[in-house]
Amino acid sequence: MQIFNNTAHPITPTVINRLDMPDYMFGVCYAIMSATYFLFAPLWGRVSDRIGRAKTIAFMTVGNSLGQLIFGLATGPVSLVIGRMITGMFAGGYHVSAMAYVADISTPDNLGKNTSVYAAIISVSTAGGYLFGGLLGDLGIGVTFGAQCIGLVAAGTLIFLLLDNAQEYDRKTPISLKTANPFSAFAASKPMWSVGVVLLFIGVFAASFATNGYDNAFNYYIKDILDFPPSYNGMIKAFVGLIGLTANFTINLWLVKKTDNYKSIIGVFALCASSLVCVVLTGGTISFILFNIVFYIFNAIYLPIQQAIVANSTDKVTNGVKLGMFNSIRALGMVFGPLTAGFAYAVWSKLPFILCAVSFGLAAVSSILLYFYRKTRCIDPAGQKLS
């Protein structure tokens, strides 16, 4: 399923160039998609609490195919925007439900391991999607979007028929259009908020801002400046995905088992920022690609650590609510990161990489503050205050 979720990404710059859109449109389109992701993620978290994770994942997957179909058939900015809006709305539900499913089937002892495995699967399947989409992109845009839509519908149907719910769902969970407002979800999640949670979510936003701003700038840069065909984009991301998979099953599992997550994530964010500085300073094509690969390794490590921290942060709200909030805040970074990167790119093609390095620096600073905040309050890694 995740393969087909990412099939169109390698050809998105080609779609924008084919329609003769301004450079900043790559950021605008992604930001619009992420905005609806942000708006609907809390609602889908509640829906999955009520009707079950499997049904929600299946429905979101099929719905995503509609947005991709509209985007693939777009003839101008209006249809581009509509397609991205629909895709973002359903993508939010898929990720919230899938993460909640992992949390539901995990215990506190193996949650870190399971989130690492989940992140590794996402990483390798995302890479596979880029490779598949990139190779199809050389054959034509219509071929790529057609294969993606068929694959999403098939995957959603199989999930609905074969996947069991991870828990007994609660038919009494309230669902209304009001819960689609992410700011209402803040009120629903009031029991989990504290200074520490605010610092944690600052890091979540800053890291998401940097990751998504960078990723969109990189995809467009290698098409616009380096003039790589879609297949090259797919092959680069596939290679990076394999490296990320290896990192998740080696470095990340070691960090989760042997270190304090609140401490180790500081170093990971610092390494992300440092590698992006090297990307900016390098001048050659080969060194540019190599430093980006180094960045992708560190970038693949931080997310499962962050997910484990959030899932263990409090037991006062359901996993659907917690992870709905987590995805909403990540989606804010997915809105402002690419949007900022798009307009920054119009000024200088490497400016987005500088801004993303600064944002990872902010994530490291907020994580340092969070670590010392917890230390002064004598809070153990499981989130409980020590006596």
Protein backbone atom coordinates (compact mmCIF):
# COMPACT_ATOMS: atom_id res chain seq x y z
CA MET A 1 0.00 0.00 0.00
CA GLN A 2 2.75 2.45 0.96
CA ILE A 3 4.43 1.69 -2.36
CA PHE A 4 1.40 3.04 -4.22
CA ASN A 5 1.08 6.00 -1.83
CA ASN A 6 4.45 7.24 -3.11
CA THR A 7 4.36 6.22 -6.77
CA ALA A 8 3.56 9.72 -8.05
CA HIS A 9 6.18 11.65 -6.06
CA PRO A 10 9.05 11.21 -8.56
CA ILE A 11 6.96 12.71 -11.37
CA THR A 12 5.41 15.62 -9.45
CA PRO A 13 8.12 18.06 -10.67
CA THR A 14 7.44 16.83 -14.22
CA VAL A 15 3.71 17.48 -13.79
CA ILE A 16 4.39 21.04 -12.63
CA ASN A 17 6.87 21.70 -15.43
CA ARG A 18 4.51 20.22 -18.04
CA LEU A 19 1.80 22.69 -17.00
CA ASP A 20 4.36 25.54 -17.08
CA MET A 21 3.72 26.40 -13.43
CA PRO A 22 6.07 28.71 -11.43
CA ASP A 23 8.85 27.02 -9.41
CA TYR A 24 7.17 27.74 -6.09
CA MET A 25 4.14 25.64 -7.06
CA PHE A 26 5.92 22.46 -5.90
CA GLY A 27 5.80 23.88 -2.38
CA VAL A 28 2.29 25.29 -2.71
CA CYS A 29 0.81 21.98 -3.92
CA TYR A 30 2.41 20.00 -1.12
CA ALA A 31 1.43 22.62 1.46
CA ILE A 32 -2.20 22.49 0.36
CA MET A 33 -2.19 18.70 0.61
CA SER A 34 -0.67 18.92 4.07
CA ALA A 35 -3.19 21.54 5.19
CA THR A 36 -6.10 19.13 4.67
CA TYR A 37 -3.97 16.41 6.30
CA PHE A 38 -3.68 18.70 9.32
CA LEU A 39 -7.38 19.57 9.39
CA PHE A 40 -8.66 16.00 9.18
CA ALA A 41 -6.08 13.95 11.10
CA PRO A 42 -7.83 14.41 14.51
CA LEU A 43 -11.17 13.41 13.00
CA TRP A 44 -9.76 10.22 11.51
CA GLY A 45 -8.13 9.38 14.84
CA ARG A 46 -11.59 9.45 16.44
CA VAL A 47 -13.14 7.55 13.54
CA SER A 48 -10.60 4.76 13.94
CA ASP A 49 -11.35 4.65 17.69
CA ARG A 50 -15.02 4.15 16.84
CA ILE A 51 -15.16 1.88 13.78
CA GLY A 52 -11.75 0.18 14.06
CA ARG A 53 -8.30 0.74 12.58
CA ALA A 54 -8.59 -1.71 9.68
CA LYS A 55 -11.79 -0.27 8.22
CA THR A 56 -10.44 3.26 8.51
CA ILE A 57 -7.14 2.36 6.82
CA ALA A 58 -9.02 0.66 3.97
CA PHE A 59 -11.36 3.60 3.41
CA MET A 60 -8.52 6.11 3.50
CA THR A 61 -6.49 4.13 0.97
CA VAL A 62 -9.32 4.02 -1.57
CA GLY A 63 -10.09 7.71 -0.98
CA ASN A 64 -6.47 8.60 -1.60
CA SER A 65 -6.73 7.12 -5.08
CA LEU A 66 -9.42 9.67 -5.98
CA GLY A 67 -7.16 12.58 -5.07
CA GLN A 68 -4.27 11.11 -7.04
CA LEU A 69 -6.50 10.57 -10.08
CA ILE A 70 -7.61 14.23 -10.06
CA PHE A 71 -4.02 15.41 -9.64
CA GLY A 72 -2.85 13.22 -12.53
CA LEU A 73 -5.55 14.57 -14.82
CA ALA A 74 -4.99 18.20 -13.78
CA THR A 75 -4.92 20.81 -16.54
CA GLY A 76 -4.29 23.88 -14.42
CA PRO A 77 -3.74 25.22 -10.90
CA VAL A 78 -7.36 24.71 -9.76
CA SER A 79 -7.45 20.99 -10.52
CA LEU A 80 -3.94 20.61 -9.06
CA VAL A 81 -5.16 22.16 -5.82
CA ILE A 82 -8.34 20.07 -5.66
CA GLY A 83 -6.39 16.86 -6.21
CA ARG A 84 -3.88 17.71 -3.51
CA MET A 85 -6.63 18.67 -1.05
CA ILE A 86 -8.40 15.33 -1.42
CA THR A 87 -5.15 13.38 -1.20
CA GLY A 88 -4.16 15.18 2.00
CA MET A 89 -7.55 14.60 3.61
CA PHE A 90 -7.36 10.83 3.17
CA ALA A 91 -3.60 10.48 3.73
CA GLY A 92 -4.04 11.91 7.23
CA GLY A 93 -6.50 9.17 8.13
CA TYR A 94 -4.25 6.43 6.82
CA HIS A 95 -1.19 7.46 8.83
CA VAL A 96 -3.10 8.14 12.07
CA SER A 97 -4.87 4.77 11.89
CA ALA A 98 -1.75 2.82 10.97
CA MET A 99 0.29 4.34 13.81
CA ALA A 100 -2.56 3.74 16.26
CA TYR A 101 -2.75 0.13 15.06
CA VAL A 102 0.95 -0.36 15.88
CA ALA A 103 0.48 1.25 19.30
CA ASP A 104 -2.56 -0.93 20.04
CA ILE A 105 -0.75 -4.20 19.40
CA SER A 106 2.34 -3.14 21.36
CA THR A 107 3.27 -3.24 25.03
CA PRO A 108 5.41 -0.54 26.69
CA ASP A 109 8.36 -2.95 26.49
CA ASN A 110 8.20 -3.58 22.76
CA LEU A 111 6.67 -0.32 21.53
CA GLY A 112 10.07 1.13 20.60
CA LYS A 113 10.94 -2.01 18.65
CA ASN A 114 7.59 -2.09 16.88
CA THR A 115 7.73 1.57 15.89
CA SER A 116 11.22 0.97 14.52
CA VAL A 117 9.95 -1.97 12.46
CA TYR A 118 6.98 0.10 11.29
CA ALA A 119 9.28 2.97 10.31
CA ALA A 120 11.56 0.55 8.48
CA ILE A 121 8.65 -0.90 6.53
CA ILE A 122 7.47 2.62 5.65
CA SER A 123 11.00 3.54 4.60
CA VAL A 124 11.58 0.59 2.31
CA SER A 125 8.09 0.67 0.79
CA THR A 126 8.38 4.42 0.24
CA ALA A 127 11.66 3.77 -1.56
CA GLY A 128 9.98 1.06 -3.59
CA GLY A 129 7.20 3.47 -4.50
CA TYR A 130 9.71 6.06 -5.68
CA LEU A 131 11.56 3.47 -7.76
CA PHE A 132 8.36 2.07 -9.26
CA GLY A 133 6.97 5.53 -9.97
CA GLY A 134 10.24 6.83 -11.36
CA LEU A 135 10.60 3.96 -13.82
CA LEU A 136 6.96 4.30 -14.89
CA GLY A 137 7.45 8.08 -15.15
CA ASP A 138 9.88 7.59 -18.02
CA LEU A 139 7.04 5.81 -19.87
CA GLY A 140 4.55 8.59 -19.24
CA ILE A 141 2.64 10.52 -16.58
CA GLY A 142 -0.65 8.77 -17.37
CA VAL A 143 0.91 5.33 -16.95
CA THR A 144 2.23 6.27 -13.50
CA PHE A 145 -1.02 7.69 -12.15
CA GLY A 146 -3.06 4.86 -13.63
CA ALA A 147 -0.90 2.24 -11.94
CA GLN A 148 -1.02 4.16 -8.66
CA CYS A 149 -4.81 4.47 -8.57
CA ILE A 150 -5.37 0.81 -9.44
CA GLY A 151 -2.84 -0.24 -6.80
CA LEU A 152 -4.42 1.90 -4.07
CA VAL A 153 -7.92 0.57 -4.74
CA ALA A 154 -6.65 -3.02 -4.73
CA ALA A 155 -4.68 -2.48 -1.51
CA GLY A 156 -7.65 -0.87 0.25
CA THR A 157 -9.93 -3.73 -0.76
CA LEU A 158 -7.49 -6.36 0.53
CA ILE A 159 -7.05 -4.51 3.84
CA PHE A 160 -10.81 -4.35 4.34
CA LEU A 161 -11.21 -8.06 3.63
CA LEU A 162 -8.14 -9.48 5.38
CA LEU A 163 -6.91 -7.21 8.20
CA ASP A 164 -8.34 -7.66 11.69
CA ASN A 165 -8.85 -4.74 14.04
CA ALA A 166 -6.14 -4.39 16.66
CA GLN A 167 -8.65 -3.79 19.46
CA GLU A 168 -12.32 -3.70 20.33
CA TYR A 169 -13.48 -0.37 19.04
CA ASP A 170 -15.78 1.98 20.93
CA ARG A 171 -19.02 2.73 19.10
CA LYS A 172 -19.72 5.52 21.61
CA THR A 173 -16.72 7.62 20.53
CA PRO A 174 -18.28 10.96 19.47
CA ILE A 175 -17.81 11.88 15.81
CA SER A 176 -18.98 15.14 14.24
CA LEU A 177 -17.77 17.75 11.79
CA LYS A 178 -16.61 19.74 14.81
CA THR A 179 -13.97 17.10 15.52
CA ALA A 180 -12.48 17.79 12.08
CA ASN A 181 -11.19 21.03 13.59
CA PRO A 182 -7.68 20.21 14.91
CA PHE A 183 -7.93 23.04 17.44
CA SER A 184 -10.92 21.28 19.00
CA ALA A 185 -8.70 18.24 19.27
CA PHE A 186 -6.33 20.28 21.43
CA ALA A 187 -9.14 20.66 23.96
CA ALA A 188 -9.91 16.93 23.81
CA SER A 189 -6.26 16.15 24.51
CA LYS A 190 -6.00 18.63 27.41
CA PRO A 191 -4.96 15.94 29.96
CA MET A 192 -1.70 15.29 28.11
CA TRP A 193 -0.49 18.90 27.83
CA SER A 194 2.38 20.19 29.97
CA VAL A 195 5.59 22.16 29.49
CA GLY A 196 7.33 18.94 28.52
CA VAL A 197 4.71 18.06 25.91
CA VAL A 198 4.91 21.56 24.44
CA LEU A 199 8.69 21.20 24.09
CA LEU A 200 8.23 17.76 22.57
CA PHE A 201 5.78 19.04 19.97
CA ILE A 202 8.00 22.00 19.11
CA GLY A 203 10.57 19.40 18.13
CA VAL A 204 7.91 17.46 16.21
CA PHE A 205 6.95 20.57 14.24
CA ALA A 206 10.53 21.71 13.59
CA ALA A 207 11.65 18.27 12.40
CA SER A 208 8.61 17.88 10.16
CA PHE A 209 9.15 21.39 8.75
CA ALA A 210 12.75 20.51 7.92
CA THR A 211 12.12 17.00 6.55
CA ASN A 212 9.26 17.96 4.27
CA GLY A 213 10.75 21.25 3.15
CA TYR A 214 13.99 19.49 2.30
CA ASP A 215 12.34 16.54 0.56
CA ASN A 216 10.29 18.75 -1.76
CA ALA A 217 13.24 21.03 -2.52
CA PHE A 218 15.47 18.03 -3.26
CA ASN A 219 12.93 16.44 -5.62
CA TYR A 220 12.55 19.67 -7.56
CA TYR A 221 16.28 20.54 -7.48
CA ILE A 222 17.40 17.32 -9.15
CA LYS A 223 14.86 17.89 -11.93
CA ASP A 224 15.27 21.65 -12.33
CA ILE A 225 19.03 22.09 -11.76
CA LEU A 226 20.53 18.64 -12.37
CA ASP A 227 17.96 17.73 -15.06
CA PHE A 228 17.58 14.14 -13.83
CA PRO A 229 14.73 12.10 -15.41
CA PRO A 230 12.04 10.62 -13.07
CA SER A 231 13.78 7.24 -13.06
CA TYR A 232 16.93 8.79 -11.54
CA ASN A 233 14.85 10.33 -8.77
CA GLY A 234 13.26 6.94 -8.13
CA MET A 235 16.58 5.10 -8.08
CA ILE A 236 18.16 7.61 -5.69
CA LYS A 237 15.23 7.34 -3.28
CA ALA A 238 15.21 3.54 -3.56
CA PHE A 239 18.89 3.37 -2.66
CA VAL A 240 18.34 5.79 0.21
CA GLY A 241 15.40 3.71 1.40
CA LEU A 242 17.54 0.59 1.62
CA ILE A 243 20.12 2.52 3.64
CA GLY A 244 17.33 3.83 5.86
CA LEU A 245 16.02 0.30 6.35
CA THR A 246 19.47 -0.88 7.42
CA ALA A 247 19.82 2.09 9.77
CA ASN A 248 16.44 1.36 11.38
CA PHE A 249 17.24 -2.30 12.02
CA THR A 250 20.74 -1.59 13.35
CA ILE A 251 21.41 1.92 14.66
CA ASN A 252 17.83 2.70 15.59
CA LEU A 253 17.11 -0.56 17.40
CA TRP A 254 20.34 -0.13 19.35
CA LEU A 255 19.37 3.44 20.30
CA VAL A 256 15.88 2.35 21.41
CA LYS A 257 17.18 -0.55 23.52
CA LYS A 258 20.40 0.89 24.94
CA THR A 259 19.88 4.64 25.28
CA ASP A 260 17.47 7.18 26.69
CA ASN A 261 15.30 8.23 23.72
CA TYR A 262 15.08 11.77 25.07
CA LYS A 263 18.87 12.05 24.97
CA SER A 264 19.66 10.18 21.76
CA ILE A 265 17.22 12.17 19.64
CA ILE A 266 19.23 15.33 20.41
CA GLY A 267 22.30 13.91 18.68
CA VAL A 268 20.24 12.65 15.73
CA PHE A 269 18.74 16.11 15.14
CA ALA A 270 22.21 17.69 15.38
CA LEU A 271 23.55 15.25 12.77
CA CYS A 272 20.61 16.04 10.46
CA ALA A 273 21.41 19.75 10.69
CA SER A 274 25.14 19.19 10.14
CA SER A 275 24.64 17.02 7.04
CA LEU A 276 22.38 19.66 5.48
CA VAL A 277 25.06 22.30 6.07
CA CYS A 278 27.42 20.07 4.06
CA VAL A 279 24.80 19.86 1.29
CA VAL A 280 24.79 23.65 1.03
CA LEU A 281 28.58 24.00 1.07
CA THR A 282 29.29 21.34 -1.59
CA GLY A 283 29.63 22.31 -5.23
CA GLY A 284 29.74 19.11 -7.28
CA THR A 285 26.85 16.90 -8.35
CA ILE A 286 28.33 13.68 -6.92
CA SER A 287 29.19 15.24 -3.55
CA PHE A 288 25.73 16.85 -3.45
CA ILE A 289 24.06 13.44 -3.86
CA LEU A 290 26.42 11.77 -1.35
CA PHE A 291 25.78 14.34 1.39
CA ASN A 292 22.06 14.04 0.76
CA ILE A 293 22.31 10.28 1.22
CA VAL A 294 24.11 10.86 4.53
CA PHE A 295 21.30 13.19 5.56
CA TYR A 296 18.65 10.61 4.65
CA ILE A 297 20.32 8.08 6.96
CA PHE A 298 20.00 10.37 9.99
CA ASN A 299 16.56 11.53 8.87
CA ALA A 300 15.32 7.92 8.83
CA ILE A 301 16.41 7.42 12.44
CA TYR A 302 14.63 10.22 14.29
CA LEU A 303 10.97 9.49 13.44
CA PRO A 304 10.53 6.09 15.19
CA ILE A 305 12.27 7.49 18.28
CA GLN A 306 9.89 10.44 18.22
CA GLN A 307 6.86 8.19 17.75
CA ALA A 308 7.87 6.05 20.72
CA ILE A 309 8.31 9.14 22.89
CA VAL A 310 4.84 10.42 21.98
CA ALA A 311 3.13 7.04 22.43
CA ASN A 312 4.65 6.69 25.92
CA SER A 313 4.05 10.31 26.91
CA THR A 314 0.79 9.73 28.82
CA ASP A 315 -1.95 7.17 29.34
CA LYS A 316 -4.64 9.78 30.01
CA VAL A 317 -5.95 9.83 26.43
CA THR A 318 -6.42 7.15 23.79
CA ASN A 319 -3.78 6.29 21.22
CA GLY A 320 -6.12 7.61 18.54
CA VAL A 321 -6.23 11.05 20.18
CA LYS A 322 -2.51 11.16 21.01
CA LEU A 323 -1.35 10.09 17.61
CA GLY A 324 -3.98 12.23 15.92
CA MET A 325 -2.44 15.25 17.66
CA PHE A 326 1.06 14.07 16.76
CA ASN A 327 0.11 13.78 13.11
CA SER A 328 -1.67 17.14 13.15
CA ILE A 329 1.42 18.89 14.44
CA ARG A 330 3.61 17.02 11.97
CA ALA A 331 1.17 18.12 9.27
CA LEU A 332 1.71 21.77 10.26
CA GLY A 333 5.38 21.21 9.46
CA MET A 334 4.29 19.54 6.22
CA VAL A 335 2.36 22.72 5.36
CA PHE A 336 4.88 25.39 6.24
CA GLY A 337 8.06 23.46 5.38
CA PRO A 338 7.34 22.89 1.66
CA LEU A 339 5.57 26.26 1.33
CA THR A 340 8.61 28.06 2.74
CA ALA A 341 10.94 25.90 0.66
CA GLY A 342 9.03 26.69 -2.53
CA PHE A 343 9.27 30.46 -2.13
CA ALA A 344 12.85 30.23 -0.82
CA TYR A 345 13.80 28.18 -3.88
CA ALA A 346 12.58 31.02 -6.09
CA VAL A 347 15.19 33.25 -4.38
CA TRP A 348 18.09 30.76 -4.45
CA SER A 349 17.97 27.04 -5.18
CA LYS A 350 19.99 26.11 -2.06
CA LEU A 351 18.23 28.46 0.36
CA PRO A 352 15.64 25.79 1.33
CA PHE A 353 18.46 23.51 2.52
CA ILE A 354 19.81 26.29 4.77
CA LEU A 355 16.38 26.92 6.31
CA CYS A 356 15.87 23.19 6.91
CA ALA A 357 19.26 22.94 8.64
CA VAL A 358 18.22 25.79 10.95
CA SER A 359 14.92 24.05 11.67
CA PHE A 360 16.68 20.81 12.66
CA GLY A 361 18.86 22.95 14.94
CA LEU A 362 15.68 24.24 16.60
CA ALA A 363 14.46 20.65 17.03
CA ALA A 364 17.76 19.79 18.75
CA VAL A 365 17.48 22.80 21.08
CA SER A 366 13.88 21.97 22.06
CA SER A 367 14.95 18.36 22.71
CA ILE A 368 17.79 19.55 24.96
CA LEU A 369 15.34 21.68 26.94
CA LEU A 370 12.93 18.76 27.17
CA TYR A 371 15.65 16.42 28.41
CA PHE A 372 16.69 18.80 31.22
CA TYR A 373 13.07 19.61 32.04
CA ARG A 374 12.36 15.93 32.60
CA LYS A 375 15.61 15.48 34.50
CA THR A 376 14.83 18.30 36.93
CA ARG A 377 11.34 16.89 37.49
CA CYS A 378 12.70 13.36 38.00
CA ILE A 379 10.63 11.75 35.23
CA ASP A 380 11.65 8.27 34.10
CA PRO A 381 11.76 7.18 30.43
CA ALA A 382 8.28 5.67 30.68
CA GLY A 383 6.82 9.09 31.52
CA GLN A 384 6.19 8.52 35.22
CA LYS A 385 7.38 10.89 37.90
CA LEU A 386 9.77 9.22 40.29
CA SER A 387 9.11 9.46 44.01
